[in-house]
């Protein structure tokens, strides 16, 4: 995500904290900032979801992407998705 208006790491931390809290509460996922912590204009998030069906995880992650695309301050740039399934 891109924060065009951010002037400092403090500005960025405020947005990151808000986004992470919203994702965790709305979608019951684990989420954290995983890269670019020192760049006040870039947010890179990692999001994890667990379910008993791959389709449920994919739906949840799509909902997360849609929520991030609609964020009023941070611009959604791209996403990478990897779904792991059990090897039984």
C-alpha atoms as a PDB file:
ATOM      1  CA  UNK A   1       0.000   0.000   0.000  1.00  0.00           C
ATOM      2  CA  UNK A   2       1.157   3.522  -0.692  1.00  0.00           C
ATOM      3  CA  UNK A   3       0.729   6.476   1.689  1.00  0.00           C
ATOM      4  CA  UNK A   4       1.161   9.521  -0.532  1.00  0.00           C
ATOM      5  CA  UNK A   5       0.257  12.012   2.220  1.00  0.00           C
ATOM      6  CA  UNK A   6       2.453  10.537   4.948  1.00  0.00           C
ATOM      7  CA  UNK A   7       5.127  12.912   6.231  1.00  0.00           C
ATOM      8  CA  UNK A   8       6.636  10.725   8.932  1.00  0.00           C
ATOM      9  CA  UNK A   9       6.864   7.242  10.395  1.00  0.00           C
ATOM     10  CA  UNK A  10       4.450   8.428  13.088  1.00  0.00           C
ATOM     11  CA  UNK A  11       1.830   9.149  10.394  1.00  0.00           C
ATOM     12  CA  UNK A  12       2.436   5.731   8.883  1.00  0.00           C
ATOM     13  CA  UNK A  13       2.222   3.894  12.229  1.00  0.00           C
ATOM     14  CA  UNK A  14      -1.161   5.464  12.894  1.00  0.00           C
ATOM     15  CA  UNK A  15      -2.532   4.200   9.570  1.00  0.00           C
ATOM     16  CA  UNK A  16      -0.922   0.754   9.932  1.00  0.00           C
ATOM     17  CA  UNK A  17      -2.347   0.311  13.430  1.00  0.00           C
ATOM     18  CA  UNK A  18      -5.816   1.255  12.202  1.00  0.00           C
ATOM     19  CA  UNK A  19      -5.666  -1.034   9.155  1.00  0.00           C
ATOM     20  CA  UNK A  20      -4.391  -4.019  11.142  1.00  0.00           C
ATOM     21  CA  UNK A  21      -7.031  -3.612  13.834  1.00  0.00           C
ATOM     22  CA  UNK A  22      -9.786  -3.325  11.227  1.00  0.00           C
ATOM     23  CA  UNK A  23      -8.609  -6.439   9.353  1.00  0.00           C
ATOM     24  CA  UNK A  24      -8.274  -8.509  12.516  1.00  0.00           C
ATOM     25  CA  UNK A  25     -11.696  -7.531  13.815  1.00  0.00           C
ATOM     26  CA  UNK A  26     -13.633  -7.696  10.551  1.00  0.00           C
ATOM     27  CA  UNK A  27     -12.143 -10.841   9.023  1.00  0.00           C
ATOM     28  CA  UNK A  28     -10.677 -12.780  11.992  1.00  0.00           C
ATOM     29  CA  UNK A  29      -7.241 -13.008  10.358  1.00  0.00           C
ATOM     30  CA  UNK A  30      -3.711 -12.651  11.649  1.00  0.00           C
ATOM     31  CA  UNK A  31      -2.072  -9.562  10.158  1.00  0.00           C
ATOM     32  CA  UNK A  32       1.197  -7.686  10.571  1.00  0.00           C
ATOM     33  CA  UNK A  33       3.463  -5.211   8.808  1.00  0.00           C
ATOM     34  CA  UNK A  34       6.190  -7.413   7.308  1.00  0.00           C
ATOM     35  CA  UNK A  35       8.457  -5.134   5.226  1.00  0.00           C
ATOM     36  CA  UNK A  36       9.424  -1.500   4.634  1.00  0.00           C
ATOM     37  CA  UNK A  37       9.016  -0.516   8.282  1.00  0.00           C
ATOM     38  CA  UNK A  38      11.443   2.383   7.815  1.00  0.00           C
ATOM     39  CA  UNK A  39       9.770   3.795   4.665  1.00  0.00           C
ATOM     40  CA  UNK A  40       7.070   6.267   5.736  1.00  0.00           C
ATOM     41  CA  UNK A  41       5.252   6.021   2.375  1.00  0.00           C
ATOM     42  CA  UNK A  42       5.049   2.216   1.917  1.00  0.00           C
ATOM     43  CA  UNK A  43       3.039  -0.378   3.856  1.00  0.00           C
ATOM     44  CA  UNK A  44       3.644  -4.086   3.234  1.00  0.00           C
ATOM     45  CA  UNK A  45       1.280  -6.345   5.145  1.00  0.00           C
ATOM     46  CA  UNK A  46       1.185 -10.072   5.699  1.00  0.00           C
ATOM     47  CA  UNK A  47      -2.215 -11.625   6.326  1.00  0.00           C
ATOM     48  CA  UNK A  48      -2.939 -15.219   7.350  1.00  0.00           C
ATOM     49  CA  UNK A  49      -6.233 -17.080   7.545  1.00  0.00           C
ATOM     50  CA  UNK A  50      -6.987 -20.638   8.577  1.00  0.00           C
ATOM     51  CA  UNK A  51     -10.036 -22.698   7.635  1.00  0.00           C
ATOM     52  CA  UNK A  52     -10.989 -26.296   6.967  1.00  0.00           C
ATOM     53  CA  UNK A  53     -11.550 -25.584   3.249  1.00  0.00           C
ATOM     54  CA  UNK A  54      -9.277 -23.821   0.763  1.00  0.00           C
ATOM     55  CA  UNK A  55     -12.269 -21.987  -0.743  1.00  0.00           C
ATOM     56  CA  UNK A  56     -13.055 -20.391   2.631  1.00  0.00           C
ATOM     57  CA  UNK A  57      -9.506 -19.074   2.954  1.00  0.00           C
ATOM     58  CA  UNK A  58      -9.584 -17.740  -0.607  1.00  0.00           C
ATOM     59  CA  UNK A  59     -12.911 -15.956   0.046  1.00  0.00           C
ATOM     60  CA  UNK A  60     -11.570 -14.404   3.233  1.00  0.00           C
ATOM     61  CA  UNK A  61      -8.378 -13.188   1.559  1.00  0.00           C
ATOM     62  CA  UNK A  62     -10.401 -11.732  -1.333  1.00  0.00           C
ATOM     63  CA  UNK A  63     -12.551  -9.842   1.169  1.00  0.00           C
ATOM     64  CA  UNK A  64      -9.380  -8.538   2.830  1.00  0.00           C
ATOM     65  CA  UNK A  65      -8.028  -7.362  -0.551  1.00  0.00           C
ATOM     66  CA  UNK A  66     -11.315  -5.623  -1.319  1.00  0.00           C
ATOM     67  CA  UNK A  67     -11.272  -3.878   2.061  1.00  0.00           C
ATOM     68  CA  UNK A  68      -7.703  -2.696   1.459  1.00  0.00           C
ATOM     69  CA  UNK A  69      -8.612  -1.444  -2.036  1.00  0.00           C
ATOM     70  CA  UNK A  70     -11.285   0.744  -0.469  1.00  0.00           C
ATOM     71  CA  UNK A  71      -9.065   2.312   2.178  1.00  0.00           C
ATOM     72  CA  UNK A  72      -9.547   6.101   2.173  1.00  0.00           C
ATOM     73  CA  UNK A  73      -5.917   7.040   2.925  1.00  0.00           C
ATOM     74  CA  UNK A  74      -3.648   4.252   1.712  1.00  0.00           C
ATOM     75  CA  UNK A  75      -3.598   3.300  -1.959  1.00  0.00           C
ATOM     76  CA  UNK A  76      -3.733  -0.430  -2.673  1.00  0.00           C
ATOM     77  CA  UNK A  77      -0.887  -1.297  -5.056  1.00  0.00           C
ATOM     78  CA  UNK A  78      -0.679  -5.088  -5.348  1.00  0.00           C
ATOM     79  CA  UNK A  79      -1.157  -8.416  -3.619  1.00  0.00           C
ATOM     80  CA  UNK A  80       0.406 -11.847  -3.696  1.00  0.00           C
ATOM     81  CA  UNK A  81      -1.529 -14.857  -2.456  1.00  0.00           C
ATOM     82  CA  UNK A  82      -0.279 -18.261  -1.423  1.00  0.00           C
ATOM     83  CA  UNK A  83      -2.662 -20.874  -0.082  1.00  0.00           C
ATOM     84  CA  UNK A  84      -1.182 -23.904   1.648  1.00  0.00           C
ATOM     85  CA  UNK A  85      -3.200 -27.066   2.074  1.00  0.00           C
ATOM     86  CA  UNK A  86      -2.428 -30.130   4.192  1.00  0.00           C
ATOM     87  CA  UNK A  87      -0.280 -32.867   2.650  1.00  0.00           C
ATOM     88  CA  UNK A  88      -2.209 -35.871   3.991  1.00  0.00           C
END
